[in-house]
Full PDB file with SEQRES, HELIX, SHEET, SSBOND, CRYST1, ORIGX, SCALE, CONECT and MASTER records, all heavy atoms in Angstrom:
SEQRES   1 A   40  ASN ALA GLY LEU LEU HIS ARG ALA PHE SER VAL PHE LEU          
SEQRES   2 A   40  PHE ARG PRO SER ASP GLY ARG LEU LEU LEU GLN LYS ARG          
SEQRES   3 A   40  ALA ASP GLU LYS ILE THR PHE PRO GLY MET TRP THR ASN          
SEQRES   4 A   40  THR                                                          
SHEET    1 AA1 2 LEU A  23  LYS A  25  0                                        
SHEET    2 AA1 2 TRP A  37  ASN A  39 -1                                        
CRYST1    1.000    1.000    1.000  90.00  90.00  90.00 P 1           1          
ORIGX1      1.000000  0.000000  0.000000        0.00000                         
ORIGX2      0.000000  1.000000  0.000000        0.00000                         
ORIGX3      0.000000  0.000000  1.000000        0.00000                         
SCALE1      1.000000  0.000000  0.000000        0.00000                         
SCALE2      0.000000  1.000000  0.000000        0.00000                         
SCALE3      0.000000  0.000000  1.000000        0.00000                         
ATOM      1  N   ASN A   1       9.186   4.287  -8.464  1.00  0.00           N  
ATOM      2  CA  ASN A   1       8.842   3.086  -9.212  1.00  0.00           C  
ATOM      3  C   ASN A   1       9.704   1.811  -8.991  1.00  0.00           C  
ATOM      4  O   ASN A   1       9.304   0.728  -9.161  1.00  0.00           O  
ATOM      5  CB  ASN A   1       8.871   3.472 -10.631  1.00  0.00           C  
ATOM      6  CG  ASN A   1       7.767   4.431 -11.065  1.00  0.00           C  
ATOM      7  OD1 ASN A   1       6.728   4.499 -10.369  1.00  0.00           O  
ATOM      8  ND2 ASN A   1       7.942   5.146 -12.150  1.00  0.00           N  
ATOM      9  N   ALA A   2      11.047   2.075  -8.535  1.00  0.00           N  
ATOM     10  CA  ALA A   2      11.868   0.978  -8.183  1.00  0.00           C  
ATOM     11  C   ALA A   2      11.556   0.471  -6.804  1.00  0.00           C  
ATOM     12  O   ALA A   2      12.324  -0.450  -6.357  1.00  0.00           O  
ATOM     13  CB  ALA A   2      13.254   1.440  -8.370  1.00  0.00           C  
ATOM     14  N   GLY A   3      10.620   1.118  -6.027  1.00  0.00           N  
ATOM     15  CA  GLY A   3      10.283   0.638  -4.704  1.00  0.00           C  
ATOM     16  C   GLY A   3      10.821   1.359  -3.536  1.00  0.00           C  
ATOM     17  O   GLY A   3      10.592   0.973  -2.433  1.00  0.00           O  
ATOM     18  N   LEU A   4      11.442   2.511  -3.733  1.00  0.00           N  
ATOM     19  CA  LEU A   4      11.979   3.221  -2.654  1.00  0.00           C  
ATOM     20  C   LEU A   4      10.870   3.796  -1.741  1.00  0.00           C  
ATOM     21  O   LEU A   4       9.903   4.406  -2.225  1.00  0.00           O  
ATOM     22  CB  LEU A   4      12.881   4.392  -3.141  1.00  0.00           C  
ATOM     23  CG  LEU A   4      13.803   5.107  -2.046  1.00  0.00           C  
ATOM     24  CD1 LEU A   4      14.797   4.093  -1.684  1.00  0.00           C  
ATOM     25  CD2 LEU A   4      14.501   6.326  -2.790  1.00  0.00           C  
ATOM     26  N   LEU A   5      11.002   3.600  -0.480  1.00  0.00           N  
ATOM     27  CA  LEU A   5       9.896   3.973   0.397  1.00  0.00           C  
ATOM     28  C   LEU A   5      10.499   4.614   1.622  1.00  0.00           C  
ATOM     29  O   LEU A   5      11.537   4.273   2.070  1.00  0.00           O  
ATOM     30  CB  LEU A   5       9.145   2.618   0.882  1.00  0.00           C  
ATOM     31  CG  LEU A   5       8.083   2.650   1.930  1.00  0.00           C  
ATOM     32  CD1 LEU A   5       6.812   3.396   1.340  1.00  0.00           C  
ATOM     33  CD2 LEU A   5       7.640   1.288   2.215  1.00  0.00           C  
ATOM     34  N   HIS A   6       9.843   5.702   2.157  1.00  0.00           N  
ATOM     35  CA  HIS A   6      10.371   6.445   3.262  1.00  0.00           C  
ATOM     36  C   HIS A   6       9.309   6.715   4.312  1.00  0.00           C  
ATOM     37  O   HIS A   6       8.115   6.579   4.054  1.00  0.00           O  
ATOM     38  CB  HIS A   6      11.102   7.726   2.892  1.00  0.00           C  
ATOM     39  CG  HIS A   6      10.079   8.716   2.250  1.00  0.00           C  
ATOM     40  ND1 HIS A   6       9.804   8.602   0.920  1.00  0.00           N  
ATOM     41  CD2 HIS A   6       9.490   9.782   2.692  1.00  0.00           C  
ATOM     42  CE1 HIS A   6       8.956   9.643   0.571  1.00  0.00           C  
ATOM     43  NE2 HIS A   6       8.724  10.403   1.647  1.00  0.00           N  
ATOM     44  N   ARG A   7       9.705   7.088   5.553  1.00  0.00           N  
ATOM     45  CA  ARG A   7       8.922   7.327   6.736  1.00  0.00           C  
ATOM     46  C   ARG A   7       8.353   8.734   6.639  1.00  0.00           C  
ATOM     47  O   ARG A   7       9.060   9.688   6.313  1.00  0.00           O  
ATOM     48  CB  ARG A   7       9.511   7.092   7.949  1.00  0.00           C  
ATOM     49  CG  ARG A   7       8.674   7.098   9.260  1.00  0.00           C  
ATOM     50  CD  ARG A   7       9.422   6.458  10.463  1.00  0.00           C  
ATOM     51  NE  ARG A   7       9.679   5.110  10.350  1.00  0.00           N  
ATOM     52  CZ  ARG A   7      10.631   4.422  11.105  1.00  0.00           C  
ATOM     53  NH1 ARG A   7      11.342   5.075  11.904  1.00  0.00           N  
ATOM     54  NH2 ARG A   7      10.767   3.102  10.963  1.00  0.00           N  
ATOM     55  N   ALA A   8       7.136   8.947   7.082  1.00  0.00           N  
ATOM     56  CA  ALA A   8       6.492  10.271   7.018  1.00  0.00           C  
ATOM     57  C   ALA A   8       5.526  10.388   8.348  1.00  0.00           C  
ATOM     58  O   ALA A   8       5.264   9.356   8.969  1.00  0.00           O  
ATOM     59  CB  ALA A   8       5.809  10.539   5.750  1.00  0.00           C  
ATOM     60  N   PHE A   9       4.946  11.533   8.363  1.00  0.00           N  
ATOM     61  CA  PHE A   9       3.906  11.717   9.381  1.00  0.00           C  
ATOM     62  C   PHE A   9       2.891  12.780   8.905  1.00  0.00           C  
ATOM     63  O   PHE A   9       3.170  13.712   8.104  1.00  0.00           O  
ATOM     64  CB  PHE A   9       4.457  12.161  10.826  1.00  0.00           C  
ATOM     65  CG  PHE A   9       4.954  13.659  10.795  1.00  0.00           C  
ATOM     66  CD1 PHE A   9       4.191  14.697  11.044  1.00  0.00           C  
ATOM     67  CD2 PHE A   9       6.386  13.786  10.466  1.00  0.00           C  
ATOM     68  CE1 PHE A   9       4.653  15.987  11.003  1.00  0.00           C  
ATOM     69  CE2 PHE A   9       6.906  15.112  10.482  1.00  0.00           C  
ATOM     70  CZ  PHE A   9       6.038  16.168  10.780  1.00  0.00           C  
ATOM     71  N   SER A  10       1.726  12.665   9.396  1.00  0.00           N  
ATOM     72  CA  SER A  10       0.582  13.692   9.167  1.00  0.00           C  
ATOM     73  C   SER A  10      -0.071  14.025  10.410  1.00  0.00           C  
ATOM     74  O   SER A  10      -0.625  13.117  11.018  1.00  0.00           O  
ATOM     75  CB  SER A  10      -0.408  13.083   8.199  1.00  0.00           C  
ATOM     76  OG  SER A  10       0.061  12.912   6.781  1.00  0.00           O  
ATOM     77  N   VAL A  11      -0.101  15.348  10.667  1.00  0.00           N  
ATOM     78  CA  VAL A  11      -0.756  15.848  11.936  1.00  0.00           C  
ATOM     79  C   VAL A  11      -2.085  16.431  11.535  1.00  0.00           C  
ATOM     80  O   VAL A  11      -2.217  17.115  10.571  1.00  0.00           O  
ATOM     81  CB  VAL A  11       0.178  16.978  12.622  1.00  0.00           C  
ATOM     82  CG1 VAL A  11      -0.566  17.691  13.697  1.00  0.00           C  
ATOM     83  CG2 VAL A  11       1.492  16.343  13.116  1.00  0.00           C  
ATOM     84  N   PHE A  12      -3.025  16.048  12.321  1.00  0.00           N  
ATOM     85  CA  PHE A  12      -4.422  16.621  12.272  1.00  0.00           C  
ATOM     86  C   PHE A  12      -4.672  17.351  13.610  1.00  0.00           C  
ATOM     87  O   PHE A  12      -4.890  16.750  14.669  1.00  0.00           O  
ATOM     88  CB  PHE A  12      -5.438  15.573  12.084  1.00  0.00           C  
ATOM     89  CG  PHE A  12      -5.335  14.894  10.654  1.00  0.00           C  
ATOM     90  CD1 PHE A  12      -4.317  13.995  10.466  1.00  0.00           C  
ATOM     91  CD2 PHE A  12      -6.337  15.072   9.705  1.00  0.00           C  
ATOM     92  CE1 PHE A  12      -4.308  13.364   9.139  1.00  0.00           C  
ATOM     93  CE2 PHE A  12      -6.227  14.580   8.485  1.00  0.00           C  
ATOM     94  CZ  PHE A  12      -5.161  13.641   8.183  1.00  0.00           C  
ATOM     95  N   LEU A  13      -4.609  18.709  13.591  1.00  0.00           N  
ATOM     96  CA  LEU A  13      -4.818  19.528  14.733  1.00  0.00           C  
ATOM     97  C   LEU A  13      -6.232  20.114  14.821  1.00  0.00           C  
ATOM     98  O   LEU A  13      -6.587  20.758  13.795  1.00  0.00           O  
ATOM     99  CB  LEU A  13      -3.723  20.647  14.765  1.00  0.00           C  
ATOM    100  CG  LEU A  13      -3.716  21.475  15.988  1.00  0.00           C  
ATOM    101  CD1 LEU A  13      -2.269  22.053  16.183  1.00  0.00           C  
ATOM    102  CD2 LEU A  13      -4.645  22.678  15.989  1.00  0.00           C  
ATOM    103  N   PHE A  14      -6.944  19.866  15.854  1.00  0.00           N  
ATOM    104  CA  PHE A  14      -8.303  20.301  16.120  1.00  0.00           C  
ATOM    105  C   PHE A  14      -8.268  21.279  17.186  1.00  0.00           C  
ATOM    106  O   PHE A  14      -7.599  21.223  18.101  1.00  0.00           O  
ATOM    107  CB  PHE A  14      -9.139  19.071  16.469  1.00  0.00           C  
ATOM    108  CG  PHE A  14      -9.309  17.976  15.424  1.00  0.00           C  
ATOM    109  CD1 PHE A  14      -8.313  16.999  15.381  1.00  0.00           C  
ATOM    110  CD2 PHE A  14     -10.232  17.988  14.511  1.00  0.00           C  
ATOM    111  CE1 PHE A  14      -8.382  16.039  14.396  1.00  0.00           C  
ATOM    112  CE2 PHE A  14     -10.431  16.901  13.545  1.00  0.00           C  
ATOM    113  CZ  PHE A  14      -9.379  16.016  13.481  1.00  0.00           C  
ATOM    114  N   ARG A  15      -9.246  22.282  17.054  1.00  0.00           N  
ATOM    115  CA  ARG A  15      -9.495  23.232  18.152  1.00  0.00           C  
ATOM    116  C   ARG A  15     -10.328  22.632  19.336  1.00  0.00           C  
ATOM    117  O   ARG A  15     -11.435  22.133  18.980  1.00  0.00           O  
ATOM    118  CB  ARG A  15     -10.085  24.436  17.476  1.00  0.00           C  
ATOM    119  CG  ARG A  15     -10.059  25.746  18.377  1.00  0.00           C  
ATOM    120  CD  ARG A  15     -10.311  27.034  17.508  1.00  0.00           C  
ATOM    121  NE  ARG A  15     -11.475  26.928  16.738  1.00  0.00           N  
ATOM    122  CZ  ARG A  15     -11.837  27.803  15.807  1.00  0.00           C  
ATOM    123  NH1 ARG A  15     -11.001  28.815  15.562  1.00  0.00           N  
ATOM    124  NH2 ARG A  15     -12.971  27.757  15.209  1.00  0.00           N  
ATOM    125  N   PRO A  16      -9.813  22.745  20.445  1.00  0.00           N  
ATOM    126  CA  PRO A  16     -10.498  22.095  21.605  1.00  0.00           C  
ATOM    127  C   PRO A  16     -11.928  22.684  21.866  1.00  0.00           C  
ATOM    128  O   PRO A  16     -12.804  21.988  22.314  1.00  0.00           O  
ATOM    129  CB  PRO A  16      -9.628  22.318  22.737  1.00  0.00           C  
ATOM    130  CG  PRO A  16      -8.229  22.561  22.236  1.00  0.00           C  
ATOM    131  CD  PRO A  16      -8.554  23.284  20.935  1.00  0.00           C  
ATOM    132  N   SER A  17     -12.136  23.882  21.472  1.00  0.00           N  
ATOM    133  CA  SER A  17     -13.373  24.548  21.924  1.00  0.00           C  
ATOM    134  C   SER A  17     -14.588  24.058  21.077  1.00  0.00           C  
ATOM    135  O   SER A  17     -15.653  23.997  21.495  1.00  0.00           O  
ATOM    136  CB  SER A  17     -13.317  26.035  21.786  1.00  0.00           C  
ATOM    137  OG  SER A  17     -12.993  26.466  20.437  1.00  0.00           O  
ATOM    138  N   ASP A  18     -14.245  23.764  19.772  1.00  0.00           N  
ATOM    139  CA  ASP A  18     -15.364  23.331  18.898  1.00  0.00           C  
ATOM    140  C   ASP A  18     -15.068  22.198  17.933  1.00  0.00           C  
ATOM    141  O   ASP A  18     -15.902  21.757  17.133  1.00  0.00           O  
ATOM    142  CB  ASP A  18     -15.823  24.516  17.959  1.00  0.00           C  
ATOM    143  CG  ASP A  18     -14.576  25.178  17.218  1.00  0.00           C  
ATOM    144  OD1 ASP A  18     -13.576  24.575  17.106  1.00  0.00           O  
ATOM    145  OD2 ASP A  18     -14.797  26.235  16.696  1.00  0.00           O  
ATOM    146  N   GLY A  19     -13.830  21.653  18.012  1.00  0.00           N  
ATOM    147  CA  GLY A  19     -13.500  20.417  17.271  1.00  0.00           C  
ATOM    148  C   GLY A  19     -13.259  20.758  15.843  1.00  0.00           C  
ATOM    149  O   GLY A  19     -13.244  19.738  15.019  1.00  0.00           O  
ATOM    150  N   ARG A  20     -13.016  21.920  15.474  1.00  0.00           N  
ATOM    151  CA  ARG A  20     -12.752  22.202  14.038  1.00  0.00           C  
ATOM    152  C   ARG A  20     -11.270  21.780  13.713  1.00  0.00           C  
ATOM    153  O   ARG A  20     -10.341  22.059  14.507  1.00  0.00           O  
ATOM    154  CB  ARG A  20     -12.878  23.717  13.697  1.00  0.00           C  
ATOM    155  CG  ARG A  20     -14.366  24.142  13.675  1.00  0.00           C  
ATOM    156  CD  ARG A  20     -14.577  25.562  13.513  1.00  0.00           C  
ATOM    157  NE  ARG A  20     -15.984  25.967  13.229  1.00  0.00           N  
ATOM    158  CZ  ARG A  20     -16.473  26.248  12.058  1.00  0.00           C  
ATOM    159  NH1 ARG A  20     -15.647  26.365  11.018  1.00  0.00           N  
ATOM    160  NH2 ARG A  20     -17.746  26.568  11.955  1.00  0.00           N  
ATOM    161  N   LEU A  21     -11.093  21.297  12.534  1.00  0.00           N  
ATOM    162  CA  LEU A  21      -9.740  20.962  11.999  1.00  0.00           C  
ATOM    163  C   LEU A  21      -8.979  22.049  11.319  1.00  0.00           C  
ATOM    164  O   LEU A  21      -9.610  22.738  10.444  1.00  0.00           O  
ATOM    165  CB  LEU A  21      -9.943  19.653  10.995  1.00  0.00           C  
ATOM    166  CG  LEU A  21      -8.771  19.297  10.254  1.00  0.00           C  
ATOM    167  CD1 LEU A  21      -7.640  18.717  11.180  1.00  0.00           C  
ATOM    168  CD2 LEU A  21      -9.112  18.140   9.330  1.00  0.00           C  
ATOM    169  N   LEU A  22      -7.700  22.134  11.686  1.00  0.00           N  
ATOM    170  CA  LEU A  22      -6.929  23.223  10.994  1.00  0.00           C  
ATOM    171  C   LEU A  22      -6.334  22.517   9.680  1.00  0.00           C  
ATOM    172  O   LEU A  22      -5.562  21.590   9.677  1.00  0.00           O  
ATOM    173  CB  LEU A  22      -5.710  23.624  11.797  1.00  0.00           C  
ATOM    174  CG  LEU A  22      -4.752  24.627  11.299  1.00  0.00           C  
ATOM    175  CD1 LEU A  22      -5.512  25.948  10.938  1.00  0.00           C  
ATOM    176  CD2 LEU A  22      -3.566  24.860  12.298  1.00  0.00           C  
ATOM    177  N   LEU A  23      -6.741  23.247   8.503  1.00  0.00           N  
ATOM    178  CA  LEU A  23      -6.188  22.862   7.217  1.00  0.00           C  
ATOM    179  C   LEU A  23      -5.128  23.784   6.825  1.00  0.00           C  
ATOM    180  O   LEU A  23      -5.170  24.972   7.258  1.00  0.00           O  
ATOM    181  CB  LEU A  23      -7.252  22.852   6.194  1.00  0.00           C  
ATOM    182  CG  LEU A  23      -8.435  21.914   6.369  1.00  0.00           C  
ATOM    183  CD1 LEU A  23      -9.429  22.099   5.096  1.00  0.00           C  
ATOM    184  CD2 LEU A  23      -8.070  20.505   6.508  1.00  0.00           C  
ATOM    185  N   GLN A  24      -4.180  23.393   5.973  1.00  0.00           N  
ATOM    186  CA  GLN A  24      -3.260  24.324   5.350  1.00  0.00           C  
ATOM    187  C   GLN A  24      -3.252  24.087   3.858  1.00  0.00           C  
ATOM    188  O   GLN A  24      -3.637  23.062   3.354  1.00  0.00           O  
ATOM    189  CB  GLN A  24      -1.912  24.181   5.808  1.00  0.00           C  
ATOM    190  CG  GLN A  24      -1.187  22.755   5.397  1.00  0.00           C  
ATOM    191  CD  GLN A  24       0.392  22.918   5.371  1.00  0.00           C  
ATOM    192  OE1 GLN A  24       0.851  23.373   4.302  1.00  0.00           O  
ATOM    193  NE2 GLN A  24       1.037  22.458   6.385  1.00  0.00           N  
ATOM    194  N   LYS A  25      -3.037  25.199   3.103  1.00  0.00           N  
ATOM    195  CA  LYS A  25      -2.844  25.176   1.735  1.00  0.00           C  
ATOM    196  C   LYS A  25      -1.329  25.279   1.415  1.00  0.00           C  
ATOM    197  O   LYS A  25      -0.642  26.260   1.725  1.00  0.00           O  
ATOM    198  CB  LYS A  25      -3.652  26.321   0.941  1.00  0.00           C  
ATOM    199  CG  LYS A  25      -3.701  26.139  -0.515  1.00  0.00           C  
ATOM    200  CD  LYS A  25      -4.554  27.214  -1.216  1.00  0.00           C  
ATOM    201  CE  LYS A  25      -4.700  27.031  -2.649  1.00  0.00           C  
ATOM    202  NZ  LYS A  25      -5.543  28.089  -3.271  1.00  0.00           N  
ATOM    203  N   ARG A  26      -0.802  24.332   0.640  1.00  0.00           N  
ATOM    204  CA  ARG A  26       0.640  24.291   0.427  1.00  0.00           C  
ATOM    205  C   ARG A  26       1.054  25.475  -0.492  1.00  0.00           C  
ATOM    206  O   ARG A  26       0.195  25.734  -1.470  1.00  0.00           O  
ATOM    207  CB  ARG A  26       0.949  22.950  -0.255  1.00  0.00           C  
ATOM    208  CG  ARG A  26       0.900  21.761   0.781  1.00  0.00           C  
ATOM    209  CD  ARG A  26       0.906  20.497   0.067  1.00  0.00           C  
ATOM    210  NE  ARG A  26       2.241  20.097  -0.596  1.00  0.00           N  
ATOM    211  CZ  ARG A  26       3.269  19.658   0.083  1.00  0.00           C  
ATOM    212  NH1 ARG A  26       3.149  19.268   1.383  1.00  0.00           N  
ATOM    213  NH2 ARG A  26       4.403  19.375  -0.500  1.00  0.00           N  
ATOM    214  N   ALA A  27       2.109  25.994  -0.211  1.00  0.00           N  
ATOM    215  CA  ALA A  27       2.527  27.210  -1.047  1.00  0.00           C  
ATOM    216  C   ALA A  27       2.916  26.740  -2.485  1.00  0.00           C  
ATOM    217  O   ALA A  27       3.170  25.684  -2.778  1.00  0.00           O  
ATOM    218  CB  ALA A  27       3.816  27.824  -0.320  1.00  0.00           C  
ATOM    219  N   ASP A  28       2.732  27.742  -3.282  1.00  0.00           N  
ATOM    220  CA  ASP A  28       3.064  27.516  -4.737  1.00  0.00           C  
ATOM    221  C   ASP A  28       4.609  27.205  -4.929  1.00  0.00           C  
ATOM    222  O   ASP A  28       4.962  26.659  -6.007  1.00  0.00           O  
ATOM    223  CB  ASP A  28       2.781  28.741  -5.590  1.00  0.00           C  
ATOM    224  CG  ASP A  28       1.188  28.839  -5.733  1.00  0.00           C  
ATOM    225  OD1 ASP A  28       0.466  27.835  -5.475  1.00  0.00           O  
ATOM    226  OD2 ASP A  28       0.682  29.963  -5.985  1.00  0.00           O  
ATOM    227  N   GLU A  29       5.407  27.616  -3.960  1.00  0.00           N  
ATOM    228  CA  GLU A  29       6.812  27.324  -4.071  1.00  0.00           C  
ATOM    229  C   GLU A  29       7.149  25.879  -3.736  1.00  0.00           C  
ATOM    230  O   GLU A  29       8.320  25.390  -4.127  1.00  0.00           O  
ATOM    231  CB  GLU A  29       7.572  28.206  -2.974  1.00  0.00           C  
ATOM    232  CG  GLU A  29       7.560  29.682  -3.323  1.00  0.00           C  
ATOM    233  CD  GLU A  29       6.435  30.428  -2.989  1.00  0.00           C  
ATOM    234  OE1 GLU A  29       5.328  29.864  -2.438  1.00  0.00           O  
ATOM    235  OE2 GLU A  29       6.330  31.644  -3.146  1.00  0.00           O  
ATOM    236  N   LYS A  30       6.216  25.134  -3.222  1.00  0.00           N  
ATOM    237  CA  LYS A  30       6.640  23.693  -2.991  1.00  0.00           C  
ATOM    238  C   LYS A  30       6.841  22.932  -4.295  1.00  0.00           C  
ATOM    239  O   LYS A  30       6.235  23.225  -5.235  1.00  0.00           O  
ATOM    240  CB  LYS A  30       5.351  23.037  -2.237  1.00  0.00           C  
ATOM    241  CG  LYS A  30       4.976  23.706  -0.892  1.00  0.00           C  
ATOM    242  CD  LYS A  30       5.983  23.364   0.281  1.00  0.00           C  
ATOM    243  CE  LYS A  30       5.926  22.010   0.711  1.00  0.00           C  
ATOM    244  NZ  LYS A  30       6.830  21.786   1.918  1.00  0.00           N  
ATOM    245  N   ILE A  31       7.764  22.026  -4.260  1.00  0.00           N  
ATOM    246  CA  ILE A  31       8.205  21.198  -5.366  1.00  0.00           C  
ATOM    247  C   ILE A  31       7.129  20.088  -5.618  1.00  0.00           C  
ATOM    248  O   ILE A  31       6.820  19.873  -6.844  1.00  0.00           O  
ATOM    249  CB  ILE A  31       9.600  20.704  -5.183  1.00  0.00           C  
ATOM    250  CG1 ILE A  31      10.579  21.921  -5.208  1.00  0.00           C  
ATOM    251  CG2 ILE A  31       9.944  19.753  -6.264  1.00  0.00           C  
ATOM    252  CD1 ILE A  31      11.982  21.470  -4.794  1.00  0.00           C  
ATOM    253  N   THR A  32       6.682  19.472  -4.590  1.00  0.00           N  
ATOM    254  CA  THR A  32       5.564  18.504  -4.852  1.00  0.00           C  
ATOM    255  C   THR A  32       4.334  19.056  -4.267  1.00  0.00           C  
ATOM    256  O   THR A  32       4.177  19.595  -3.211  1.00  0.00           O  
ATOM    257  CB  THR A  32       6.015  17.198  -3.962  1.00  0.00           C  
ATOM    258  OG1 THR A  32       6.123  17.583  -2.591  1.00  0.00           O  
ATOM    259  CG2 THR A  32       7.324  16.547  -4.504  1.00  0.00           C  
ATOM    260  N   PHE A  33       3.251  18.726  -5.103  1.00  0.00           N  
ATOM    261  CA  PHE A  33       1.876  19.003  -4.703  1.00  0.00           C  
ATOM    262  C   PHE A  33       1.610  20.563  -4.223  1.00  0.00           C  
ATOM    263  O   PHE A  33       1.036  20.829  -3.191  1.00  0.00           O  
ATOM    264  CB  PHE A  33       1.411  18.120  -3.604  1.00  0.00           C  
ATOM    265  CG  PHE A  33       1.581  16.721  -3.977  1.00  0.00           C  
ATOM    266  CD1 PHE A  33       2.618  15.878  -3.399  1.00  0.00           C  
ATOM    267  CD2 PHE A  33       0.686  15.985  -4.778  1.00  0.00           C  
ATOM    268  CE1 PHE A  33       2.792  14.608  -3.735  1.00  0.00           C  
ATOM    269  CE2 PHE A  33       0.909  14.685  -5.211  1.00  0.00           C  
ATOM    270  CZ  PHE A  33       1.950  13.964  -4.600  1.00  0.00           C  
ATOM    271  N   PRO A  34       2.203  21.424  -5.143  1.00  0.00           N  
ATOM    272  CA  PRO A  34       1.988  22.853  -4.830  1.00  0.00           C  
ATOM    273  C   PRO A  34       0.624  23.415  -4.923  1.00  0.00           C  
ATOM    274  O   PRO A  34      -0.141  22.820  -5.737  1.00  0.00           O  
ATOM    275  CB  PRO A  34       2.943  23.613  -5.829  1.00  0.00           C  
ATOM    276  CG  PRO A  34       2.874  22.576  -6.999  1.00  0.00           C  
ATOM    277  CD  PRO A  34       2.964  21.266  -6.421  1.00  0.00           C  
ATOM    278  N   GLY A  35       0.221  24.312  -4.055  1.00  0.00           N  
ATOM    279  CA  GLY A  35      -1.064  25.011  -4.124  1.00  0.00           C  
ATOM    280  C   GLY A  35      -2.299  24.080  -3.770  1.00  0.00           C  
ATOM    281  O   GLY A  35      -3.349  24.396  -4.086  1.00  0.00           O  
ATOM    282  N   MET A  36      -1.967  22.940  -3.054  1.00  0.00           N  
ATOM    283  CA  MET A  36      -3.118  22.047  -2.719  1.00  0.00           C  
ATOM    284  C   MET A  36      -3.395  22.152  -1.272  1.00  0.00           C  
ATOM    285  O   MET A  36      -2.587  22.351  -0.322  1.00  0.00           O  
ATOM    286  CB  MET A  36      -2.701  20.646  -3.015  1.00  0.00           C  
ATOM    287  CG  MET A  36      -2.574  20.337  -4.480  1.00  0.00           C  
ATOM    288  SD  MET A  36      -2.298  18.478  -4.754  1.00  0.00           S  
ATOM    289  CE  MET A  36      -2.161  18.543  -6.528  1.00  0.00           C  
ATOM    290  N   TRP A  37      -4.716  21.970  -0.905  1.00  0.00           N  
ATOM    291  CA  TRP A  37      -5.151  21.855   0.438  1.00  0.00           C  
ATOM    292  C   TRP A  37      -4.750  20.479   1.018  1.00  0.00           C  
ATOM    293  O   TRP A  37      -4.783  19.522   0.330  1.00  0.00           O  
ATOM    294  CB  TRP A  37      -6.717  22.119   0.578  1.00  0.00           C  
ATOM    295  CG  TRP A  37      -7.098  23.481   0.463  1.00  0.00           C  
ATOM    296  CD1 TRP A  37      -7.633  24.130  -0.750  1.00  0.00           C  
ATOM    297  CD2 TRP A  37      -7.047  24.560   1.370  1.00  0.00           C  
ATOM    298  NE1 TRP A  37      -7.935  25.434  -0.531  1.00  0.00           N  
ATOM    299  CE2 TRP A  37      -7.547  25.732   0.826  1.00  0.00           C  
ATOM    300  CE3 TRP A  37      -6.633  24.596   2.635  1.00  0.00           C  
ATOM    301  CZ2 TRP A  37      -7.602  26.863   1.420  1.00  0.00           C  
ATOM    302  CZ3 TRP A  37      -6.701  25.814   3.352  1.00  0.00           C  
ATOM    303  CH2 TRP A  37      -7.196  26.991   2.758  1.00  0.00           C  
ATOM    304  N   THR A  38      -4.499  20.566   2.392  1.00  0.00           N  
ATOM    305  CA  THR A  38      -4.126  19.243   3.033  1.00  0.00           C  
ATOM    306  C   THR A  38      -4.375  19.428   4.567  1.00  0.00           C  
ATOM    307  O   THR A  38      -4.851  20.479   4.984  1.00  0.00           O  
ATOM    308  CB  THR A  38      -2.696  18.943   2.689  1.00  0.00           C  
ATOM    309  OG1 THR A  38      -2.409  17.573   3.047  1.00  0.00           O  
ATOM    310  CG2 THR A  38      -1.673  19.823   3.402  1.00  0.00           C  
ATOM    311  N   ASN A  39      -4.075  18.296   5.285  1.00  0.00           N  
ATOM    312  CA  ASN A  39      -4.196  18.456   6.605  1.00  0.00           C  
ATOM    313  C   ASN A  39      -3.146  19.354   7.332  1.00  0.00           C  
ATOM    314  O   ASN A  39      -2.392  19.976   6.670  1.00  0.00           O  
ATOM    315  CB  ASN A  39      -3.966  16.946   7.269  1.00  0.00           C  
ATOM    316  CG  ASN A  39      -2.689  16.341   6.846  1.00  0.00           C  
ATOM    317  OD1 ASN A  39      -2.545  15.968   5.630  1.00  0.00           O  
ATOM    318  ND2 ASN A  39      -1.658  16.229   7.700  1.00  0.00           N  
ATOM    319  N   THR A  40      -3.213  19.551   8.686  1.00  0.00           N  
ATOM    320  CA  THR A  40      -2.477  20.567   9.196  1.00  0.00           C  
ATOM    321  C   THR A  40      -1.006  20.689   8.950  1.00  0.00           C  
ATOM    322  O   THR A  40      -0.461  21.689   8.683  1.00  0.00           O  
ATOM    323  CB  THR A  40      -2.656  20.384  10.807  1.00  0.00           C  
ATOM    324  OG1 THR A  40      -4.065  20.156  11.112  1.00  0.00           O  
ATOM    325  CG2 THR A  40      -2.085  21.613  11.570  1.00  0.00           C  
TER     326      THR A  40                                                      
MASTER        0    0    0    0    2    0    0    6  325    1    0    4          
END                                                                             
């Protein structure tokens, strides 16, 4: 809220044979956004 900003990355990995995207579901142990589906 005070404006602190940091650098990040998001990988989207697709299977070459059919172009399907690999998703992951974040573990319940995660401190931020636990149990949520997201990109690879």
